[in-house]
Amino acid sequence: MILLRAFLAVFSAAVMSCGITSNTQAAWKAVSPPGYSGSTFTGIWQPQPGLRFISSSNGVIIQNNGTKWTALQSPTNQNLTGVWGQVYQNNGTSAAKVNLYAVGSQGAMLHYNASGWQWQNNATVLKLNSVWGPANQSPPGPAVVAAGQDGIFVNNLMGQNNWHQVFDINGVNFQGLSGNSPQNVLAGSGGGILWSGSGNQLGSWVPFFTNGNQDITAIWNDDTGAYYAVGSSGLVLHGNGSTWQNMSTPTNRTLRAVWGTSASNVYAVGDQGTILRFNGTAWNLETSNTTQDLLAVCGSSASDVTVVGASGTVLNNGNALNHATLSAALAILLGQ
């Protein structure tokens, strides 16, 4: 018991030093997998500490479990542009499994689970730019949404093949998806236009014209319903889904992705190694130590945020691997 108490004291101090309860951010460090310098990492889904899935060129999903990188080769060589998933329990057991969805060039729609990869019915032959699903999967509402050059598509059955198109406008390239419920989703596009979809099947879409004509490339919203949209020329918009305001940023480079843990901890990443962080008051540049274009950002907490991009770039801002090691040691001491 004395040994356990001593370990808990050390463990607690280590967790505090990781910045979990502090606004102080650790420096970004390169954690790129070897052998992928010629690949472009386009998207990331990170559901929990020590588990991340990265979409890549040539039809590859890269998985990292905190210590090991594994390539999940899909049935296509098309470039994948986005990945999203859901953690679920398998047949009532305690073993966690994942449903993964990936989209990409030439209308690629792919699903991955414990049974391996499955092609989805291709609802389009044009490029899909993003895929997203709501945290609340309770019906009604779609389980997964995809957006691209040919419109908006939904799949109403998690883990099954049921894609169909719900919206398209000639010449509009939809980019970025986010929402606060399965019946309320936003998509970005060119010309500074945000599109709001609603209804059980997301069948009703209306445009919102923002102040400017920049391309809107990505959207993220927090639990309170506050949205952040990013785009070309350093664009950042903040709003509630229907009204929007421009935010001042210290860059004019195109921003490609946005994600956060709260209204006082939001990240936007983009071209030439740009990383911005919003602290609730202002956007500030952070040192990325790379000039590669950064294309996606996601994390499991404020101290475990991952950024990916061109030339196989993977950056992380914390000590997630050390944290995972300590957690395993604690489980052993508790006899778990």
Protein backbone atom coordinates (compact mmCIF):
# COMPACT_ATOMS: atom_id res chain seq x y z
CA MET A 1 0.00 0.00 0.00
CA ILE A 2 2.89 2.35 0.79
CA LEU A 3 4.37 1.61 -2.62
CA LEU A 4 1.02 2.27 -4.28
CA ARG A 5 0.58 5.62 -2.48
CA ALA A 6 4.08 6.69 -3.42
CA PHE A 7 3.43 5.77 -7.05
CA LEU A 8 0.12 7.65 -7.08
CA ALA A 9 1.88 10.78 -5.82
CA VAL A 10 4.47 10.54 -8.59
CA PHE A 11 1.78 9.73 -11.16
CA SER A 12 -0.33 12.75 -10.15
CA ALA A 13 2.66 15.06 -10.39
CA ALA A 14 3.50 13.66 -13.83
CA VAL A 15 -0.06 14.18 -15.08
CA MET A 16 -0.02 17.78 -13.86
CA SER A 17 3.26 18.37 -15.71
CA CYS A 18 1.64 17.21 -18.97
CA GLY A 19 -0.48 20.36 -18.96
CA ILE A 20 -3.85 18.61 -18.61
CA THR A 21 -5.03 21.17 -16.03
CA SER A 22 -2.98 24.08 -17.33
CA ASN A 23 -3.24 26.49 -20.26
CA THR A 24 0.52 26.25 -20.82
CA GLN A 25 1.11 24.42 -24.09
CA ALA A 26 4.02 22.07 -24.69
CA ALA A 27 6.22 22.60 -27.74
CA TRP A 28 5.23 20.87 -30.96
CA LYS A 29 7.44 17.91 -31.75
CA ALA A 30 7.73 15.74 -34.85
CA VAL A 31 6.44 12.19 -34.33
CA SER A 32 6.23 11.19 -37.99
CA PRO A 33 6.24 7.49 -38.90
CA PRO A 34 9.35 6.37 -40.82
CA GLY A 35 9.07 5.68 -44.53
CA TYR A 36 6.25 8.10 -45.38
CA SER A 37 8.14 11.24 -46.40
CA GLY A 38 6.66 10.92 -49.89
CA SER A 39 3.08 10.68 -48.63
CA THR A 40 0.57 13.43 -47.94
CA PHE A 41 -1.36 13.03 -44.70
CA THR A 42 -4.73 14.69 -45.29
CA GLY A 43 -6.93 13.96 -42.28
CA ILE A 44 -6.89 12.63 -38.74
CA TRP A 45 -9.38 11.14 -36.30
CA GLN A 46 -8.13 10.73 -32.74
CA PRO A 47 -10.86 9.34 -30.45
CA GLN A 48 -8.78 8.73 -27.32
CA PRO A 49 -5.22 9.00 -25.95
CA GLY A 50 -2.78 6.81 -27.81
CA LEU A 51 -5.12 6.04 -30.70
CA ARG A 52 -5.13 7.96 -33.97
CA PHE A 53 -6.05 7.21 -37.58
CA ILE A 54 -4.55 9.27 -40.41
CA SER A 55 -5.82 9.36 -44.01
CA SER A 56 -3.12 9.43 -46.65
CA SER A 57 -2.35 9.40 -50.33
CA ASN A 58 -2.44 6.10 -52.24
CA GLY A 59 -5.41 4.72 -50.33
CA VAL A 60 -3.61 4.19 -47.02
CA ILE A 61 -4.89 4.77 -43.47
CA ILE A 62 -2.07 5.03 -40.92
CA GLN A 63 -2.93 3.83 -37.41
CA ASN A 64 -0.97 4.72 -34.28
CA ASN A 65 -1.70 3.08 -30.93
CA GLY A 66 0.66 5.26 -28.91
CA THR A 67 3.77 3.20 -29.58
CA LYS A 68 3.41 1.54 -32.99
CA TRP A 69 2.55 2.72 -36.52
CA THR A 70 0.53 0.38 -38.73
CA ALA A 71 -0.51 0.87 -42.38
CA LEU A 72 -4.07 -0.17 -43.23
CA GLN A 73 -4.08 -0.47 -47.02
CA SER A 74 -7.57 0.08 -48.39
CA PRO A 75 -8.92 -1.53 -51.61
CA THR A 76 -8.01 1.59 -53.61
CA ASN A 77 -4.91 3.53 -54.59
CA GLN A 78 -6.89 6.75 -54.80
CA ASN A 79 -5.79 9.60 -52.56
CA LEU A 80 -7.85 9.68 -49.38
CA THR A 81 -8.86 13.14 -48.17
CA GLY A 82 -10.52 12.51 -44.82
CA VAL A 83 -11.22 9.94 -42.12
CA TRP A 84 -13.76 9.75 -39.30
CA GLY A 85 -14.91 6.98 -37.02
CA GLN A 86 -16.86 5.73 -34.05
CA VAL A 87 -15.69 3.66 -31.07
CA TYR A 88 -18.12 0.93 -30.07
CA GLN A 89 -18.28 -2.16 -27.87
CA ASN A 90 -18.19 -5.49 -29.67
CA ASN A 91 -21.10 -7.84 -28.84
CA GLY A 92 -21.48 -6.48 -25.33
CA THR A 93 -17.86 -7.20 -24.38
CA SER A 94 -15.46 -4.70 -22.89
CA ALA A 95 -13.25 -4.79 -25.99
CA ALA A 96 -13.52 -1.49 -27.87
CA LYS A 97 -13.77 -1.63 -31.66
CA VAL A 98 -13.91 1.08 -34.30
CA ASN A 99 -15.99 1.86 -37.37
CA LEU A 100 -13.88 3.93 -39.77
CA TYR A 101 -15.05 5.85 -42.81
CA ALA A 102 -12.67 7.32 -45.38
CA VAL A 103 -13.37 9.37 -48.51
CA GLY A 104 -11.20 10.57 -51.36
CA SER A 105 -10.59 11.13 -55.05
CA GLN A 106 -12.95 9.83 -57.74
CA GLY A 107 -15.76 9.46 -55.22
CA ALA A 108 -13.97 6.92 -53.06
CA MET A 109 -16.11 5.86 -50.08
CA LEU A 110 -14.65 3.22 -47.78
CA HIS A 111 -15.62 1.57 -44.51
CA TYR A 112 -13.33 -0.32 -42.13
CA ASN A 113 -14.17 -2.40 -39.04
CA ALA A 114 -13.13 -5.63 -37.37
CA SER A 115 -14.01 -7.50 -40.57
CA GLY A 116 -11.64 -5.41 -42.68
CA TRP A 117 -12.28 -2.97 -45.53
CA GLN A 118 -15.52 -2.70 -47.47
CA TRP A 119 -16.21 -0.60 -50.56
CA GLN A 120 -19.25 1.62 -50.17
CA ASN A 121 -21.64 2.27 -53.05
CA ASN A 122 -20.07 5.17 -54.87
CA ALA A 123 -22.69 7.88 -54.96
CA THR A 124 -20.37 10.09 -57.06
CA VAL A 125 -17.30 9.84 -59.29
CA LEU A 126 -16.00 13.26 -58.27
CA LYS A 127 -13.63 14.06 -55.43
CA LEU A 128 -14.93 13.99 -51.88
CA ASN A 129 -13.19 16.43 -49.53
CA SER A 130 -14.38 15.51 -46.05
CA VAL A 131 -16.32 13.05 -43.93
CA TRP A 132 -17.93 13.65 -40.53
CA GLY A 133 -20.34 12.05 -38.11
CA PRO A 134 -22.16 13.32 -35.02
CA ALA A 135 -21.07 12.13 -31.60
CA ASN A 136 -24.72 11.34 -30.85
CA GLN A 137 -25.66 8.51 -33.18
CA SER A 138 -29.22 8.13 -31.89
CA PRO A 139 -31.86 8.30 -34.64
CA PRO A 140 -33.27 10.20 -36.35
CA GLY A 141 -30.55 11.68 -38.50
CA PRO A 142 -27.67 10.45 -40.65
CA ALA A 143 -24.86 8.42 -39.15
CA VAL A 144 -22.18 9.80 -41.49
CA VAL A 145 -21.98 12.80 -43.84
CA ALA A 146 -19.57 13.40 -46.75
CA ALA A 147 -18.99 16.54 -48.83
CA GLY A 148 -17.22 17.19 -52.10
CA GLN A 149 -17.30 18.51 -55.65
CA ASP A 150 -20.65 16.88 -56.43
CA GLY A 151 -22.59 17.84 -53.29
CA ILE A 152 -23.51 16.48 -49.88
CA PHE A 153 -24.04 12.77 -49.17
CA VAL A 154 -25.36 10.93 -46.12
CA ASN A 155 -25.28 7.38 -44.85
CA ASN A 156 -28.15 6.71 -42.46
CA LEU A 157 -26.93 3.33 -41.15
CA MET A 158 -23.77 3.18 -39.08
CA GLY A 159 -21.58 0.29 -40.20
CA GLN A 160 -23.69 -0.39 -43.29
CA ASN A 161 -23.69 0.70 -46.92
CA ASN A 162 -26.45 3.24 -47.43
CA TRP A 163 -25.00 6.38 -49.06
CA HIS A 164 -27.16 8.74 -51.08
CA GLN A 165 -26.93 12.33 -52.25
CA VAL A 166 -29.08 14.89 -50.44
CA PHE A 167 -27.90 18.20 -51.91
CA ASP A 168 -25.91 19.67 -54.81
CA ILE A 169 -25.44 23.04 -56.50
CA ASN A 170 -23.80 23.16 -59.91
CA GLY A 171 -20.21 24.35 -59.65
CA VAL A 172 -20.06 24.42 -55.83
CA ASN A 173 -17.19 22.54 -54.19
CA PHE A 174 -18.17 21.69 -50.61
CA GLN A 175 -15.37 21.53 -48.02
CA GLY A 176 -15.41 20.92 -44.30
CA LEU A 177 -18.27 19.55 -42.19
CA SER A 178 -19.35 19.98 -38.61
CA GLY A 179 -22.56 20.06 -36.62
CA ASN A 180 -24.12 20.13 -33.18
CA SER A 181 -26.59 17.31 -33.87
CA PRO A 182 -27.40 14.73 -36.55
CA GLN A 183 -30.10 17.10 -37.82
CA ASN A 184 -28.00 20.29 -37.94
CA VAL A 185 -24.80 20.27 -40.02
CA LEU A 186 -22.71 22.98 -41.67
CA ALA A 187 -20.57 22.76 -44.81
CA GLY A 188 -18.15 25.31 -46.25
CA SER A 189 -17.57 26.36 -49.86
CA GLY A 190 -15.99 29.03 -52.02
CA GLY A 191 -17.10 32.65 -52.14
CA GLY A 192 -17.31 32.92 -48.35
CA ILE A 193 -20.52 30.87 -48.26
CA LEU A 194 -21.48 28.52 -45.44
CA TRP A 195 -24.30 26.04 -46.01
CA SER A 196 -26.61 24.90 -43.23
CA GLY A 197 -28.31 21.52 -43.55
CA SER A 198 -31.22 20.45 -41.38
CA GLY A 199 -33.85 17.75 -41.05
CA ASN A 200 -33.78 14.06 -40.27
CA GLN A 201 -32.10 13.30 -43.61
CA LEU A 202 -30.36 16.68 -43.96
CA GLY A 203 -32.59 17.34 -46.93
CA SER A 204 -32.93 21.11 -46.43
CA TRP A 205 -29.89 23.32 -47.12
CA VAL A 206 -29.65 27.13 -47.05
CA PRO A 207 -26.66 29.42 -47.71
CA PHE A 208 -25.23 31.99 -45.30
CA PHE A 209 -23.13 34.71 -46.94
CA THR A 210 -20.24 35.85 -44.76
CA ASN A 211 -18.25 39.06 -45.02
CA GLY A 212 -15.82 38.21 -47.82
CA ASN A 213 -15.24 35.86 -50.71
CA GLN A 214 -12.54 33.57 -49.31
CA ASP A 215 -12.81 29.81 -49.64
CA ILE A 216 -14.04 28.18 -46.44
CA THR A 217 -12.08 24.96 -45.99
CA ALA A 218 -12.99 23.59 -42.54
CA ILE A 219 -15.44 23.99 -39.64
CA TRP A 220 -15.47 22.95 -35.98
CA ASN A 221 -17.93 23.62 -33.16
CA ASP A 222 -17.66 23.23 -29.40
CA ASP A 223 -20.24 21.74 -27.04
CA THR A 224 -21.97 25.09 -26.55
CA GLY A 225 -22.82 25.46 -30.26
CA ALA A 226 -20.12 28.06 -31.01
CA TYR A 227 -18.67 27.50 -34.50
CA TYR A 228 -15.26 28.31 -35.96
CA ALA A 229 -14.73 28.28 -39.74
CA VAL A 230 -11.36 28.75 -41.45
CA GLY A 231 -10.20 29.33 -45.00
CA SER A 232 -8.00 31.16 -47.45
CA SER A 233 -5.97 34.30 -46.65
CA GLY A 234 -5.94 33.52 -42.92
CA LEU A 235 -9.73 33.60 -42.66
CA VAL A 236 -11.30 32.68 -39.32
CA LEU A 237 -15.03 33.13 -38.71
CA HIS A 238 -16.82 32.75 -35.39
CA GLY A 239 -20.57 32.34 -35.10
CA ASN A 240 -23.58 30.40 -33.93
CA GLY A 241 -24.36 28.74 -37.25
CA SER A 242 -26.45 31.57 -38.70
CA THR A 243 -24.61 34.78 -37.78
CA TRP A 244 -20.88 35.14 -38.28
CA GLN A 245 -18.07 37.55 -37.41
CA ASN A 246 -14.55 37.77 -38.78
CA MET A 247 -11.77 37.20 -36.25
CA SER A 248 -8.38 38.84 -36.50
CA THR A 249 -5.48 36.45 -37.15
CA PRO A 250 -1.71 36.97 -37.45
CA THR A 251 -1.43 35.27 -40.85
CA ASN A 252 -2.64 35.59 -44.43
CA ARG A 253 -1.81 31.98 -45.30
CA THR A 254 -4.58 29.55 -46.16
CA LEU A 255 -5.87 27.65 -43.14
CA ARG A 256 -6.88 24.05 -43.88
CA ALA A 257 -8.31 22.67 -40.63
CA VAL A 258 -9.67 23.70 -37.24
CA TRP A 259 -10.32 21.79 -34.01
CA GLY A 260 -10.37 22.50 -30.30
CA THR A 261 -11.20 21.30 -26.82
CA SER A 262 -13.11 24.39 -25.65
CA ALA A 263 -13.83 28.01 -26.52
CA SER A 264 -10.47 28.95 -24.94
CA ASN A 265 -8.38 26.31 -26.71
CA VAL A 266 -8.91 26.16 -30.49
CA TYR A 267 -6.30 25.28 -33.12
CA ALA A 268 -6.19 26.23 -36.80
CA VAL A 269 -3.50 24.86 -39.11
CA GLY A 270 -2.53 25.59 -42.68
CA ASP A 271 0.03 26.29 -45.35
CA GLN A 272 3.79 26.53 -44.77
CA GLY A 273 3.69 25.09 -41.28
CA THR A 274 1.14 27.53 -39.89
CA ILE A 275 -0.33 26.69 -36.47
CA LEU A 276 -2.60 29.16 -34.71
CA ARG A 277 -4.08 28.78 -31.24
CA PHE A 278 -7.05 30.74 -29.88
CA ASN A 279 -6.89 31.21 -26.10
CA GLY A 280 -10.37 32.66 -25.72
CA THR A 281 -9.16 36.20 -26.38
CA ALA A 282 -6.84 36.23 -29.41
CA TRP A 283 -5.32 34.00 -32.08
CA ASN A 284 -1.56 33.53 -31.69
CA LEU A 285 1.06 31.89 -33.89
CA GLU A 286 2.78 28.81 -32.49
CA THR A 287 6.16 27.48 -33.58
CA SER A 288 5.66 24.33 -35.62
CA ASN A 289 9.30 23.80 -36.63
CA THR A 290 8.19 22.84 -40.15
CA THR A 291 7.45 24.58 -43.44
CA GLN A 292 5.28 21.75 -44.75
CA ASP A 293 1.62 22.45 -45.46
CA LEU A 294 -0.48 21.27 -42.50
CA LEU A 295 -3.83 19.81 -43.51
CA ALA A 296 -5.61 18.41 -40.45
CA VAL A 297 -5.73 18.68 -36.67
CA CYS A 298 -7.44 16.58 -34.00
CA GLY A 299 -6.79 15.42 -30.45
CA SER A 300 -8.02 13.57 -27.40
CA SER A 301 -7.35 16.44 -24.97
CA ALA A 302 -5.62 19.80 -24.72
CA SER A 303 -2.34 18.03 -24.00
CA ASP A 304 -2.66 15.46 -26.79
CA VAL A 305 -3.26 17.29 -30.07
CA THR A 306 -1.98 15.90 -33.37
CA VAL A 307 -1.38 17.82 -36.61
CA VAL A 308 -0.68 16.13 -39.96
CA GLY A 309 0.29 17.35 -43.40
CA ALA A 310 2.48 17.10 -46.46
CA SER A 311 5.64 14.93 -46.73
CA GLY A 312 4.42 12.55 -44.03
CA THR A 313 4.38 15.27 -41.37
CA VAL A 314 2.94 14.38 -37.95
CA LEU A 315 3.27 16.77 -35.00
CA ASN A 316 2.11 16.37 -31.39
CA ASN A 317 1.98 18.99 -28.63
CA GLY A 318 2.17 16.86 -25.48
CA ASN A 319 3.47 13.84 -23.68
CA ALA A 320 0.77 11.34 -24.63
CA LEU A 321 3.19 8.41 -24.85
CA ASN A 322 4.60 9.07 -21.37
CA HIS A 323 1.07 9.43 -20.04
CA ALA A 324 0.08 6.08 -21.58
CA THR A 325 3.11 4.37 -20.03
CA LEU A 326 2.26 5.70 -16.58
CA SER A 327 -1.36 4.64 -16.94
CA ALA A 328 -0.28 1.08 -17.80
CA ALA A 329 2.01 0.95 -14.78
CA LEU A 330 -0.81 2.13 -12.52
CA ALA A 331 -3.12 -0.58 -13.87
CA ILE A 332 -0.50 -3.23 -13.07
CA LEU A 333 -0.13 -2.01 -9.49
CA LEU A 334 -3.89 -2.08 -9.01
CA GLY A 335 -3.99 -5.63 -10.28
CA GLN A 336 -6.09 -4.79 -13.40
